[in-house]
Structures are given as structure tokens and as C-alpha cells.
Protein backbone atom coordinates (compact mmCIF):
# COMPACT_ATOMS: atom_id res chain seq x y z
CA MET A 1 -80.41 -73.97 -29.48
CA LYS A 2 -79.56 -71.70 -32.24
CA LYS A 3 -78.36 -68.34 -33.37
CA TYR A 4 -75.49 -66.17 -34.28
CA VAL A 5 -74.48 -62.83 -35.55
CA MET A 6 -71.36 -61.47 -36.83
CA PHE A 7 -70.04 -58.90 -39.07
CA SER A 8 -66.73 -58.85 -40.79
CA LEU A 9 -64.42 -55.88 -40.99
CA VAL A 10 -64.89 -54.41 -44.42
CA PHE A 11 -62.93 -51.85 -46.38
CA VAL A 12 -64.96 -52.25 -49.56
CA VAL A 13 -68.52 -53.45 -49.17
CA LEU A 14 -69.78 -55.50 -52.09
CA GLY A 15 -73.51 -55.33 -52.50
CA THR A 16 -73.72 -59.06 -53.14
CA VAL A 17 -71.83 -60.08 -50.00
CA PHE A 18 -73.49 -60.30 -46.59
CA THR A 19 -71.15 -59.17 -43.84
CA GLY A 20 -73.49 -58.50 -40.97
CA CYS A 21 -72.79 -54.76 -41.28
CA SER A 22 -75.00 -51.92 -42.28
CA LYS A 23 -74.00 -49.47 -44.97
CA LYS A 24 -72.16 -47.49 -42.33
CA ASP A 25 -68.95 -49.31 -41.53
CA ALA A 26 -67.87 -49.43 -37.93
CA TYR A 27 -64.19 -49.17 -38.74
CA ASP A 28 -62.76 -46.59 -41.10
CA PRO A 29 -59.11 -47.26 -42.13
CA GLU A 30 -58.71 -43.58 -42.89
CA ARG A 31 -59.29 -42.85 -39.20
CA PRO A 32 -56.53 -44.76 -37.39
CA GLU A 33 -57.66 -43.33 -34.08
CA GLN A 34 -60.58 -45.73 -34.37
CA ASP A 35 -59.07 -48.59 -32.40
CA ALA A 36 -61.57 -51.44 -32.88
CA ARG A 37 -61.50 -52.23 -29.17
CA GLU A 38 -62.25 -48.65 -28.15
CA LEU A 39 -64.90 -48.32 -30.83
CA TYR A 40 -66.57 -51.49 -29.58
CA ARG A 41 -66.48 -50.14 -26.03
CA LYS A 42 -68.05 -46.84 -27.09
CA ASN A 43 -70.73 -48.61 -29.05
CA PHE A 44 -71.49 -51.07 -26.25
CA LEU A 45 -71.89 -48.24 -23.73
CA ALA A 46 -74.25 -46.48 -26.11
CA TYR A 47 -76.15 -49.74 -26.57
CA VAL A 48 -76.77 -50.24 -22.85
CA GLY A 49 -77.48 -46.56 -22.27
CA GLY A 50 -74.37 -45.47 -20.41
CA ASN A 51 -73.19 -46.56 -17.02
CA ILE A 52 -72.32 -50.12 -16.08
CA ASN A 53 -72.51 -51.09 -12.42
CA SER A 54 -69.01 -51.49 -11.00
CA GLN A 55 -69.93 -54.92 -9.56
CA VAL A 56 -71.05 -56.43 -12.86
CA ASP A 57 -68.60 -59.24 -13.64
CA TRP A 58 -70.51 -60.65 -16.64
CA GLY A 59 -70.99 -63.97 -14.87
CA PHE A 60 -67.30 -64.84 -14.62
CA GLY A 61 -67.20 -64.52 -10.85
CA SER A 62 -64.46 -61.90 -10.55
CA SER A 63 -66.62 -59.77 -8.28
CA ALA A 64 -67.41 -62.26 -5.53
CA SER A 65 -69.46 -60.89 -2.69
CA THR A 66 -68.17 -60.80 0.87
CA ARG A 67 -69.57 -64.27 1.51
CA ALA A 68 -68.40 -65.84 -1.74
CA ASP A 69 -65.75 -68.06 -0.21
CA GLU A 70 -67.44 -68.62 3.13
CA ALA A 71 -69.32 -71.74 4.09
CA PRO A 72 -73.07 -71.37 4.56
CA THR A 73 -74.24 -70.59 8.06
CA VAL A 74 -76.89 -73.03 9.26
CA THR A 75 -79.07 -72.17 12.25
CA LEU A 76 -81.49 -74.61 13.86
CA ASP A 77 -84.69 -72.92 14.94
CA PRO A 78 -86.54 -74.92 17.65
CA ALA A 79 -89.72 -72.91 17.27
CA GLY A 80 -89.65 -72.67 13.50
CA TYR A 81 -92.95 -72.04 11.79
CA SER A 82 -94.78 -75.11 13.00
CA THR A 83 -98.32 -73.80 12.67
CA GLU A 84 -97.92 -73.73 8.90
CA PHE A 85 -97.73 -77.53 8.77
CA SER A 86 -101.20 -78.86 9.27
CA ASP A 87 -103.65 -81.27 7.70
CA LYS A 88 -104.62 -78.52 5.29
CA PHE A 89 -101.02 -78.10 4.22
CA PHE A 90 -100.55 -81.79 3.48
CA GLU A 91 -103.84 -81.93 1.63
CA ASN A 92 -102.59 -79.07 -0.51
CA VAL A 93 -99.31 -80.86 -1.16
CA ARG A 94 -101.26 -83.84 -2.37
CA GLY A 95 -102.65 -81.72 -5.18
CA PHE A 96 -99.12 -81.36 -6.52
CA PHE A 97 -98.16 -84.99 -5.84
CA PRO A 98 -101.12 -86.69 -7.50
CA GLU A 99 -99.60 -90.11 -6.90
CA GLY A 100 -99.48 -89.57 -3.17
CA SER A 101 -96.23 -90.86 -1.78
CA GLN A 102 -95.07 -91.87 -5.24
CA CYS A 103 -92.90 -88.82 -5.90
CA THR A 104 -92.32 -89.74 -9.51
CA SER A 105 -92.80 -86.47 -11.35
CA LYS A 106 -90.70 -86.88 -14.49
CA ASP A 107 -90.37 -83.11 -14.67
CA TRP A 108 -88.30 -82.82 -11.52
CA TRP A 109 -86.56 -86.08 -10.80
CA ASN A 110 -83.22 -84.36 -10.98
CA TYR A 111 -83.00 -80.94 -9.38
CA GLU A 112 -81.11 -78.38 -7.34
CA PHE A 113 -81.77 -74.86 -6.16
CA LEU A 114 -80.22 -71.50 -6.92
CA GLU A 115 -80.00 -69.57 -3.66
CA ASN A 116 -81.09 -66.21 -5.17
CA GLY A 117 -81.29 -64.33 -1.84
CA PRO A 118 -79.59 -63.68 1.52
CA PHE A 119 -81.02 -66.79 3.18
CA PHE A 120 -83.73 -69.39 3.02
CA ASN A 121 -85.60 -71.52 5.54
CA VAL A 122 -86.10 -75.23 5.07
CA ARG A 123 -88.33 -77.52 7.09
CA LEU A 124 -87.54 -81.22 7.27
CA ILE A 125 -90.64 -83.36 7.80
CA TYR A 126 -90.55 -87.05 8.58
CA SER A 127 -92.61 -89.52 10.49
CA ASN A 128 -91.64 -91.78 13.37
CA THR A 129 -91.27 -94.61 10.87
CA SER A 130 -88.24 -92.99 9.28
CA ALA A 131 -85.05 -95.01 9.08
CA ASN A 132 -81.63 -94.49 10.61
CA ASP A 133 -80.68 -91.68 8.22
CA GLU A 134 -78.35 -88.72 8.03
CA ILE A 135 -79.83 -85.67 6.36
CA GLY A 136 -77.90 -82.74 4.98
CA LEU A 137 -77.42 -80.23 2.22
CA TYR A 138 -74.60 -79.71 -0.24
CA TYR A 139 -73.56 -76.53 -2.00
CA TYR A 140 -71.09 -75.23 -4.56
CA ASP A 141 -70.24 -72.05 -6.46
CA PRO A 142 -71.18 -72.78 -10.10
CA VAL A 143 -68.82 -70.09 -11.37
CA LYS A 144 -65.77 -71.66 -9.74
CA GLU A 145 -66.58 -75.35 -9.56
CA SER A 146 -68.87 -78.09 -10.76
CA TYR A 147 -71.38 -79.90 -8.57
CA ASP A 148 -69.06 -82.85 -8.06
CA LYS A 149 -66.79 -80.49 -6.07
CA HIS A 150 -69.59 -79.66 -3.62
CA THR A 151 -69.29 -79.24 0.15
CA LYS A 152 -71.66 -81.04 2.52
CA VAL A 153 -73.34 -79.65 5.62
CA VAL A 154 -74.97 -82.18 7.97
CA LEU A 155 -78.35 -80.99 9.16
CA TYR A 156 -79.19 -84.00 11.28
CA ASP A 157 -76.88 -86.97 11.74
CA ASN A 158 -79.58 -89.43 12.86
CA ILE A 159 -83.25 -88.68 12.49
CA GLN A 160 -84.14 -91.47 14.89
CA ALA A 161 -82.04 -90.01 17.69
CA ASN A 162 -84.77 -88.02 19.41
CA ASN A 163 -82.80 -87.65 22.61
CA GLY A 164 -86.14 -86.95 24.24
CA ASP A 165 -86.05 -83.40 22.93
CA LEU A 166 -89.62 -82.75 21.88
CA GLY A 167 -88.84 -79.05 21.53
CA TYR A 168 -87.61 -79.74 18.02
CA TYR A 169 -90.65 -81.66 16.92
CA ILE A 170 -94.24 -80.97 16.06
CA GLN A 171 -96.75 -83.35 17.54
CA PHE A 172 -99.69 -82.92 15.22
CA ASN A 173 -103.16 -83.03 16.74
CA ARG A 174 -101.73 -83.26 20.25
CA TYR A 175 -101.44 -80.74 23.00
CA GLU A 176 -99.33 -80.43 26.12
CA GLN A 177 -100.93 -80.14 29.56
CA TYR A 178 -99.41 -80.63 32.98
CA GLY A 179 -96.16 -81.63 31.32
CA GLN A 180 -97.74 -84.43 29.29
CA TRP A 181 -98.96 -84.85 25.73
CA TRP A 182 -102.69 -85.59 25.44
CA GLU A 183 -105.15 -86.62 22.77
CA VAL A 184 -102.80 -88.70 20.64
CA LEU A 185 -104.72 -88.53 17.40
CA THR A 186 -103.63 -89.08 13.81
CA THR A 187 -102.62 -86.62 11.13
CA ASP A 188 -105.12 -87.21 8.36
CA GLY A 189 -103.53 -84.75 5.94
CA TYR A 190 -100.26 -86.66 6.05
CA SER A 191 -102.04 -89.95 5.45
CA ILE A 192 -103.80 -88.50 2.43
CA TRP A 193 -100.46 -87.39 1.03
CA THR A 194 -98.71 -90.69 1.67
CA ASN A 195 -101.54 -93.09 0.89
CA SER A 196 -100.58 -94.86 4.09
CA SER A 197 -101.91 -95.23 7.59
CA PRO A 198 -102.36 -91.97 9.47
CA ALA A 199 -99.27 -90.93 11.35
CA LYS A 200 -99.47 -90.48 15.10
CA ARG A 201 -96.53 -88.17 15.12
CA ILE A 202 -94.83 -86.00 12.53
CA GLN A 203 -91.32 -84.89 13.39
CA THR A 204 -89.98 -81.70 11.91
CA ARG A 205 -87.02 -79.41 12.22
CA THR A 206 -86.55 -75.94 10.81
CA TYR A 207 -83.20 -74.66 9.58
CA THR A 208 -82.32 -71.14 8.52
CA ILE A 209 -79.48 -71.23 6.02
CA TYR A 210 -77.43 -68.19 5.00
CA MET A 211 -75.65 -68.71 1.72
CA ASN A 212 -74.06 -66.73 -1.10
CA GLU A 213 -76.75 -65.74 -3.56
CA ARG A 214 -75.08 -67.32 -6.56
CA TYR A 215 -74.54 -70.73 -4.95
CA HIS A 216 -76.35 -73.82 -6.11
CA PHE A 217 -77.45 -76.27 -3.44
CA GLY A 218 -79.38 -79.46 -2.95
CA PHE A 219 -80.11 -82.04 -0.27
CA TYR A 220 -79.11 -85.59 0.44
CA VAL A 221 -80.16 -88.52 2.62
CA LYS A 222 -77.66 -91.13 3.73
CA ASN A 223 -79.07 -94.49 4.75
CA LYS A 224 -76.72 -95.62 7.50
CA ASP A 225 -77.99 -99.18 7.31
CA THR A 226 -77.11 -99.64 3.64
CA GLY A 227 -74.40 -96.97 3.35
CA LYS A 228 -76.08 -95.50 0.26
CA THR A 229 -76.52 -91.76 -0.20
CA TYR A 230 -79.26 -90.21 -2.32
CA TYR A 231 -79.03 -86.67 -3.70
CA THR A 232 -81.55 -84.33 -5.26
CA ASN A 233 -78.96 -84.09 -8.05
CA GLN A 234 -79.06 -87.61 -9.42
CA TYR A 235 -75.72 -87.18 -11.17
CA LEU A 236 -74.19 -87.45 -7.70
CA ASN A 237 -75.81 -90.78 -6.90
CA GLU A 238 -73.94 -94.06 -7.03
CA SER A 239 -76.06 -94.80 -10.05
CA GLU A 240 -77.44 -91.89 -12.06
CA THR A 241 -80.51 -93.97 -12.79
CA ALA A 242 -81.20 -94.64 -9.11
CA TYR A 243 -84.44 -93.10 -7.98
CA SER A 244 -83.96 -90.43 -5.33
CA GLY A 245 -87.15 -88.39 -5.24
CA ALA A 246 -88.82 -85.49 -6.95
CA ALA A 247 -89.78 -81.86 -6.40
CA VAL A 248 -92.64 -79.53 -7.11
CA GLY A 249 -92.45 -75.76 -7.05
CA ASP A 250 -94.78 -72.91 -6.24
CA VAL A 251 -96.97 -74.69 -3.71
CA PRO A 252 -99.09 -71.86 -2.29
CA TYR A 253 -100.32 -72.04 1.25
CA ASP A 254 -102.34 -69.33 3.01
CA ASN A 255 -100.24 -66.16 2.85
CA ILE A 256 -97.23 -67.95 1.35
CA GLN A 257 -97.02 -66.98 -2.29
CA GLN A 258 -94.25 -69.33 -3.37
CA SER A 259 -92.71 -72.43 -1.89
CA TYR A 260 -91.21 -75.76 -2.80
CA VAL A 261 -92.09 -79.21 -1.53
CA PHE A 262 -89.81 -82.08 -2.41
CA GLY A 263 -89.09 -85.58 -1.23
CA LEU A 264 -86.13 -87.91 -0.98
CA THR A 265 -86.05 -91.66 -0.64
CA ASP A 266 -83.43 -93.72 1.14
CA ASN A 267 -84.08 -97.07 -0.50
CA ASP A 268 -84.29 -96.76 -4.33
CA THR A 269 -88.08 -96.60 -4.24
CA PRO A 270 -90.33 -93.58 -4.75
CA ASP A 271 -91.58 -93.53 -1.19
CA CYS A 272 -90.29 -90.05 -0.40
CA ASN A 273 -90.38 -90.96 3.26
CA ILE A 274 -88.51 -87.76 4.01
CA LEU A 275 -90.21 -84.58 2.91
CA PHE A 276 -88.51 -81.22 2.67
CA ALA A 277 -90.34 -77.94 2.32
CA ILE A 278 -88.85 -74.51 1.64
CA ILE A 279 -91.66 -72.13 2.43
CA LYS A 280 -90.04 -68.99 3.79
CA ALA A 281 -88.36 -66.24 1.83
CA GLY A 282 -85.40 -64.17 2.98
CA ASP A 283 -85.49 -60.54 4.09
CA GLN A 284 -85.62 -59.40 0.46
CA GLY A 285 -88.60 -61.59 -0.28
CA LYS A 286 -86.60 -63.94 -2.47
CA TYR A 287 -87.10 -67.68 -2.62
CA PRO A 288 -84.51 -70.08 -4.00
CA LEU A 289 -85.11 -71.02 -7.62
CA LEU A 290 -85.75 -74.63 -8.56
CA ILE A 291 -83.27 -75.51 -11.32
CA ARG A 292 -81.80 -78.51 -13.07
CA PRO A 293 -78.20 -79.49 -12.27
CA GLU A 294 -75.77 -78.17 -14.82
CA LYS A 295 -72.56 -79.73 -15.90
CA TYR A 296 -71.75 -76.80 -18.12
CA ARG A 297 -71.98 -73.01 -18.20
CA ARG A 298 -72.55 -71.10 -21.43
CA ILE A 299 -70.26 -68.37 -22.77
CA ILE A 300 -71.83 -66.01 -25.32
CA ALA A 301 -69.69 -63.48 -27.14
CA GLU A 302 -69.49 -60.63 -29.64
CA ASP A 303 -66.50 -60.33 -31.97
CA LEU A 304 -65.65 -56.60 -31.58
CA ASN A 305 -67.51 -55.52 -34.69
CA ALA A 306 -69.57 -52.47 -33.80
CA HIS A 307 -72.40 -51.86 -36.21
CA ASP A 308 -74.12 -48.75 -37.52
CA ILE A 309 -71.68 -46.08 -36.41
CA ASP A 310 -72.22 -42.70 -37.97
CA ALA A 311 -69.49 -40.34 -39.11
CA ASP A 312 -69.12 -38.95 -35.60
CA GLY A 313 -68.76 -42.36 -34.05
CA ASN A 314 -72.20 -42.33 -32.48
CA SER A 315 -74.28 -45.45 -32.18
CA THR A 316 -77.65 -45.52 -33.93
CA GLU A 317 -78.91 -49.06 -34.24
CA THR A 318 -76.20 -51.36 -33.02
CA ASP A 319 -76.63 -55.09 -33.28
CA PHE A 320 -75.55 -56.93 -30.15
CA ASP A 321 -76.94 -60.44 -30.41
CA PHE A 322 -74.06 -62.13 -28.56
CA ASN A 323 -74.11 -65.18 -30.75
CA ASP A 324 -70.83 -64.77 -32.63
CA ILE A 325 -69.65 -67.68 -30.56
CA VAL A 326 -71.75 -69.73 -28.14
CA LEU A 327 -69.60 -72.12 -26.15
CA ASP A 328 -70.63 -74.43 -23.32
CA ALA A 329 -67.76 -75.31 -21.00
CA ALA A 330 -67.19 -77.25 -17.82
CA LEU A 331 -63.89 -76.97 -15.97
CA THR A 332 -61.95 -80.15 -15.24
CA PRO A 333 -58.77 -80.80 -13.23
CA THR A 334 -56.74 -80.66 -16.45
CA GLY A 335 -58.64 -78.04 -18.44
CA ALA A 336 -62.19 -77.93 -19.71
CA LYS A 337 -64.75 -79.95 -21.61
CA CYS A 338 -66.36 -77.85 -24.33
CA ARG A 339 -69.35 -77.92 -26.63
CA LEU A 340 -69.41 -75.41 -29.49
CA MET A 341 -73.08 -74.56 -29.90
CA ALA A 342 -73.23 -71.73 -32.45
CA ALA A 343 -71.10 -69.35 -34.50
CA GLY A 344 -72.72 -66.19 -35.83
CA ALA A 345 -69.43 -64.59 -36.73
CA THR A 346 -68.10 -64.09 -40.24
CA LEU A 347 -64.65 -63.34 -38.90
CA LYS A 348 -62.36 -66.07 -37.69
CA ILE A 349 -62.68 -66.90 -34.00
CA ARG A 350 -60.47 -69.39 -32.23
CA ILE A 351 -60.57 -71.01 -28.81
CA ASN A 352 -57.72 -71.36 -26.32
CA GLY A 353 -55.18 -69.86 -28.73
CA ASP A 354 -55.38 -72.92 -30.95
CA ASP A 355 -55.74 -72.40 -34.70
CA LYS A 356 -57.20 -75.90 -34.97
CA LEU A 357 -60.07 -74.73 -32.79
CA GLU A 358 -61.34 -72.04 -35.16
CA VAL A 359 -65.13 -72.10 -34.89
CA HIS A 360 -65.95 -72.33 -38.61
CA ASP A 361 -63.42 -75.10 -39.08
CA LEU A 362 -64.93 -76.98 -36.14
CA PHE A 363 -68.35 -76.72 -37.75
CA LYS A 364 -66.83 -77.56 -41.17
CA VAL A 365 -68.28 -74.51 -42.89
CA ASP A 366 -66.88 -71.57 -44.82
CA GLN A 367 -65.84 -68.54 -42.79
CA LYS A 368 -68.76 -66.50 -44.16
CA VAL A 369 -71.35 -69.05 -42.99
CA MET A 370 -73.20 -68.48 -39.74
CA VAL A 371 -74.15 -71.62 -37.83
CA ASN A 372 -77.20 -72.25 -35.62
CA THR A 373 -78.23 -68.59 -35.46
CA HIS A 374 -81.23 -68.61 -37.82
CA ALA A 375 -79.23 -66.50 -40.25
CA GLU A 376 -81.46 -67.80 -43.04
CA LYS A 377 -83.82 -64.99 -42.07
CA ILE A 378 -81.17 -62.63 -43.43
CA ASN A 379 -79.29 -64.60 -46.07
CA PRO A 380 -80.15 -68.26 -46.74
CA ASN A 381 -76.86 -68.75 -48.57
CA GLN A 382 -74.86 -67.96 -45.46
CA ALA A 383 -76.80 -69.98 -42.91
CA ALA A 384 -76.24 -73.51 -41.69
CA ASP A 385 -77.50 -75.83 -38.97
CA ARG A 386 -74.99 -78.11 -37.32
CA ASP A 387 -74.88 -80.43 -34.32
CA PRO A 388 -72.83 -79.16 -31.37
CA VAL A 389 -69.13 -80.00 -31.60
CA GLU A 390 -67.59 -81.49 -28.47
CA PHE A 391 -63.90 -81.30 -27.59
CA GLU A 392 -61.57 -80.87 -24.65
CA ILE A 393 -58.85 -78.32 -23.99
CA THR A 394 -56.03 -78.38 -21.49
CA GLY A 395 -54.89 -75.63 -19.19
CA ASN A 396 -54.79 -74.42 -15.62
CA PHE A 397 -58.11 -72.60 -15.68
CA LYS A 398 -59.16 -70.93 -12.43
CA ASP A 399 -62.48 -69.94 -13.96
CA LEU A 400 -64.17 -69.74 -17.35
CA ASN A 401 -62.63 -66.35 -18.02
CA ASP A 402 -59.29 -68.11 -18.46
CA ILE A 403 -60.57 -69.86 -21.58
CA LYS A 404 -59.24 -67.52 -24.24
CA LEU A 405 -61.52 -66.50 -27.12
CA GLU A 406 -59.89 -64.51 -29.93
CA VAL A 407 -61.08 -62.90 -33.15
CA TYR A 408 -58.84 -62.36 -36.17
CA LYS A 409 -59.28 -58.70 -36.92
CA ASP A 410 -57.71 -55.62 -38.43
CA LEU A 411 -56.46 -53.64 -35.48
CA LYS A 412 -55.21 -50.25 -36.67
CA GLY A 413 -54.14 -51.64 -40.01
CA VAL A 414 -52.63 -54.90 -38.79
CA TRP A 415 -54.53 -58.17 -38.98
CA GLN A 416 -54.01 -60.07 -35.76
CA TRP A 417 -55.66 -62.23 -33.12
CA VAL A 418 -57.44 -59.99 -30.60
CA GLU A 419 -58.74 -61.40 -27.33
CA LEU A 420 -62.38 -60.93 -26.35
CA THR A 421 -62.45 -59.66 -22.78
CA ALA A 422 -64.96 -59.14 -19.99
CA PRO A 423 -63.62 -56.37 -17.72
CA LYS A 424 -65.52 -55.93 -14.50
CA GLY A 425 -67.79 -52.89 -14.58
CA ASP A 426 -66.97 -52.06 -18.21
CA ALA A 427 -68.02 -52.96 -21.75
CA SER A 428 -67.78 -56.70 -22.28
CA CYS A 429 -67.35 -58.89 -25.32
CA LYS A 430 -68.43 -62.07 -23.53
CA ILE A 431 -70.93 -63.07 -20.88
CA VAL A 432 -71.51 -66.26 -18.88
CA VAL A 433 -75.05 -67.63 -18.49
CA ASP A 434 -76.40 -71.08 -17.77
CA THR A 435 -77.12 -73.64 -20.45
CA SER A 436 -80.86 -72.93 -20.40
CA PHE A 437 -80.11 -69.59 -22.07
CA GLU A 438 -81.47 -69.32 -25.60
CA TRP A 439 -79.16 -67.11 -27.60
CA PRO A 440 -80.75 -64.50 -29.89
CA ASP A 441 -81.29 -65.08 -33.57
CA GLU A 442 -79.07 -63.33 -36.09
CA ARG A 443 -79.41 -59.56 -35.71
CA GLN A 444 -81.79 -59.94 -32.75
CA SER A 445 -80.89 -57.57 -29.96
CA LEU A 446 -79.92 -59.17 -26.65
CA LYS A 447 -81.60 -56.43 -24.61
CA VAL A 448 -84.80 -56.76 -26.62
CA LYS A 449 -84.96 -60.52 -26.21
CA TYR A 450 -84.05 -60.24 -22.52
CA PRO A 451 -85.37 -56.95 -21.10
CA ASN A 452 -83.88 -57.71 -17.66
CA PHE A 453 -80.40 -57.50 -19.16
CA LEU A 454 -80.26 -53.72 -18.74
CA ASN A 455 -81.31 -53.94 -15.09
CA TYR A 456 -78.44 -56.36 -14.58
CA VAL A 457 -76.00 -54.06 -16.36
CA HIS A 458 -77.02 -50.90 -14.50
CA ASN A 459 -77.88 -52.30 -11.07
CA ASN A 460 -76.20 -55.71 -10.88
CA VAL A 461 -79.65 -57.22 -10.32
CA GLY A 462 -80.49 -60.74 -11.43
CA VAL A 463 -76.91 -61.91 -11.73
CA ASP A 464 -78.03 -65.50 -12.24
CA SER A 465 -81.50 -64.90 -13.56
CA TRP A 466 -81.72 -61.94 -15.98
CA TRP A 467 -82.01 -64.35 -18.92
CA ARG A 468 -84.83 -66.42 -17.42
CA ASN A 469 -87.59 -64.17 -18.74
CA GLN A 470 -87.71 -63.55 -22.46
CA ASN A 471 -89.59 -60.91 -24.36
CA ASN A 472 -91.58 -62.91 -26.89
CA PRO A 473 -93.64 -60.44 -28.88
């Protein structure tokens, strides 16, 4: 992690002092009509090229879609897409699980999914040796709650309870004739994947799940014999170190361009005796995204200083790096846990209206020093690297937008604390992303580092993913 930019309000620019500004000051005290907030707005609109989609909420969740507060709709499909599960499929899976049934990929021991589309299809696969287990999914809105506040949906309350309903199962290498199943052979592909004896029968069920696009979800298996529940998100397990399975992404199969195959255990061992596969995209061709569970979300902000404004107030080469403050936060019942990651500002910025939570003071640096933003590329004397600073704040926060960030700034001739805001569909001083986001270096443009940012701004596309692809020239 790293980065930060900031420029202080300057009435007299000293050539030996780095402020983050160009020679053209953004704020002219002789022009009182230049309200710093309005000037920032004008400059931001010029920076993004004009219009901002009315639904853009900058990640704070104020523009929930029509399904935002609805529970997912789960539909069981008896027919499913059974022909896509064959020996060839399991042989292909084995290429991604080189240890066979030992689903011990260190890369994806702990995982969830970002919905990313209108719906997804998931196929549960298990053999007739499976235990007395309940299988389900859990979901939560990461903008409004953390994963420990998830809601469960039971997909199957007992995988051993066939109830004689073969319509929901696939009998591999068997066929029905005269009302009976014939040629009870084995499924060699499955045996190759599991390193075990060939299975005479593979049971499967297909579920179509409609869910809000921004939701995170995962799966769980509850062993009814032991009472233990195992989640794809290991933070939810009774013991975070308990083994619960692993996942692999992008498993191609015939005309399927992207899919996920993942396993869960029900007994603390890497057997993965229950295999899930998401191999169908929604109507818009979107698959869920395999992600790591997040305890925190990341707030990135600019401090109202608009750079490079000419005499007419037009933007020429504005510097929006959104690293003036980088704050990770996770809401709690009494407030929020916070981690201050970076401070590229050279103006004072405080958190939650508390003067003791001024970012430079928290990092124990002078106000003119920029922390963790690679500012040494610009001025080595004003750059510092510091470990993140952790602290907690109290308050009745409905969402992250309630955590107040303020900059101490000259506003029409009066120095005062000015709140950084994120109005829906308008110029924003702060944005919420996930903690995988790498903030730009000092004076590195956000839209240059993340080209999908402008598509998000103009079209509200990639709400939870515009920062996943960087431009690395």
C-alpha cells in the first residue's frame, strides 16, 4: 500500500516549499466568488469529462437498486445442465486440483464471491457416500454490513434424504429404460479427481440464484452428526484455522469460457467430499467474481484542493490521485474499527470530528509531510513511509458515509473545518473501494491508473470492479 497527494491552499507560493500545487493557484483570495467547494466541483467535472451518472453513489450504497434489501431468490432446477458434468469435466477439474481430492490450494483457502450480475447458477455435486449434511449459501451487502451479519439460505437440508426423487440427480453412465436404470457403471472422471474408488452414482442439484449485484456470498456445509459448520469464508468457522476447502477459478469446459469449481469439507480434512461448480453466467454474460473475504472497506479522498486552474477557472491538468487520506474502516455495533493507510494531504484532515484524529498527528509527521504515497518522487524531504495506524471510533454509523472526514481550509477567507462529501450523481471528494485497491502515487491520476473509472462515472458500470484492472504502462 502506498500513496498520497495533497496540495495546501496558498496565498503566497514560496519556490522552496512543495505544496502539491502548480504555479496556477486554485483559489484566489481576490475572487471571493471562488468558493473552494464549488471550484472543486467544477474542476472534478472537467476532470471526468462532464456528466456523472445519476446512480453513481461512489460506493457508499446510497443508491441501492430495487433488489438491494430483498433476500435472494433461489430456484431449484430439476433438469439443470446435467450433460455438462461428465468424465471429461471431472478430468478437466483435476488439472486445477493437482492433489486430487486434497483441495489444499493455499491461494484460495479462504474465499467468497461477488455476485456481479443479475443471477448465477450453481451446481452441487456429491456422491452417495456423502454424510448427513445441510448445504446452503450465505450473503450480505458489504456496503451496509460485514460478513458476520450474513443471512443464510438453505439449499438442501439433508443430502442423504433422496426421497426416491431421481429427477434431481444425475446417474452418470446409466440410462433409463422401461422405468428402470440399466448399466450401472462407474464414473471414471470422478475417481480420477478424488483419487478414490470410482463412484457408481453422482448426485447433483442445480440452483438458479437471483441476487443483488453488489452482494457478497459464499457457501457452507453443516455436519449434522457433529454439529459443526464449515464456510468458504474461514473467518466464519468455529476456528479460523479449521480447514474448510478451497476454490479454483476460470475452469474452462467446452463452450464455457469462465467458471469456478470449489470444494467444502465437513470434517476438518481436505477431502472436499462436496463439490460446488458455478458454470453458468447470467443474462448479461456475467459470472460471479472470486474474491477474498473483507473485514474492511477502503475510503479514498481528495481534500478540496483543485489544481491547475487558469484565470478563467478552467481545468487544464488537474491532479486527482485520491490519496489525501486513505482509510480502511469496518462498521461495528458501537462505531467503526479503522486503519489509517496513507495521507497525501499537506492540509490538516481529521476523522470523525476529533482533533486528536488528525491524520498527520496519527502518523507522527509534520503537516507538510505526505505518508505512504511515494511522494519522494516529487520531494524527498516531504515524503515518509509509516505503518498503518489502527484505532476505533464510536458513533451510530448506518454506513461508511457517516464517518466524517474534514479538511481544515480557507473557505471564502475563513479558515474552518470543511466536510468532504460524496453526493450521489455529483462531484465527490471521497470514494469507497475494497481493500485490494492500490491507491495512486503522488500526483498520479486516478483515471489514468484505473481507466475503467470513467466508465463507472458516466455509466455506473463496474460499481464493485472498476479498480480491478490497472493501467500499468
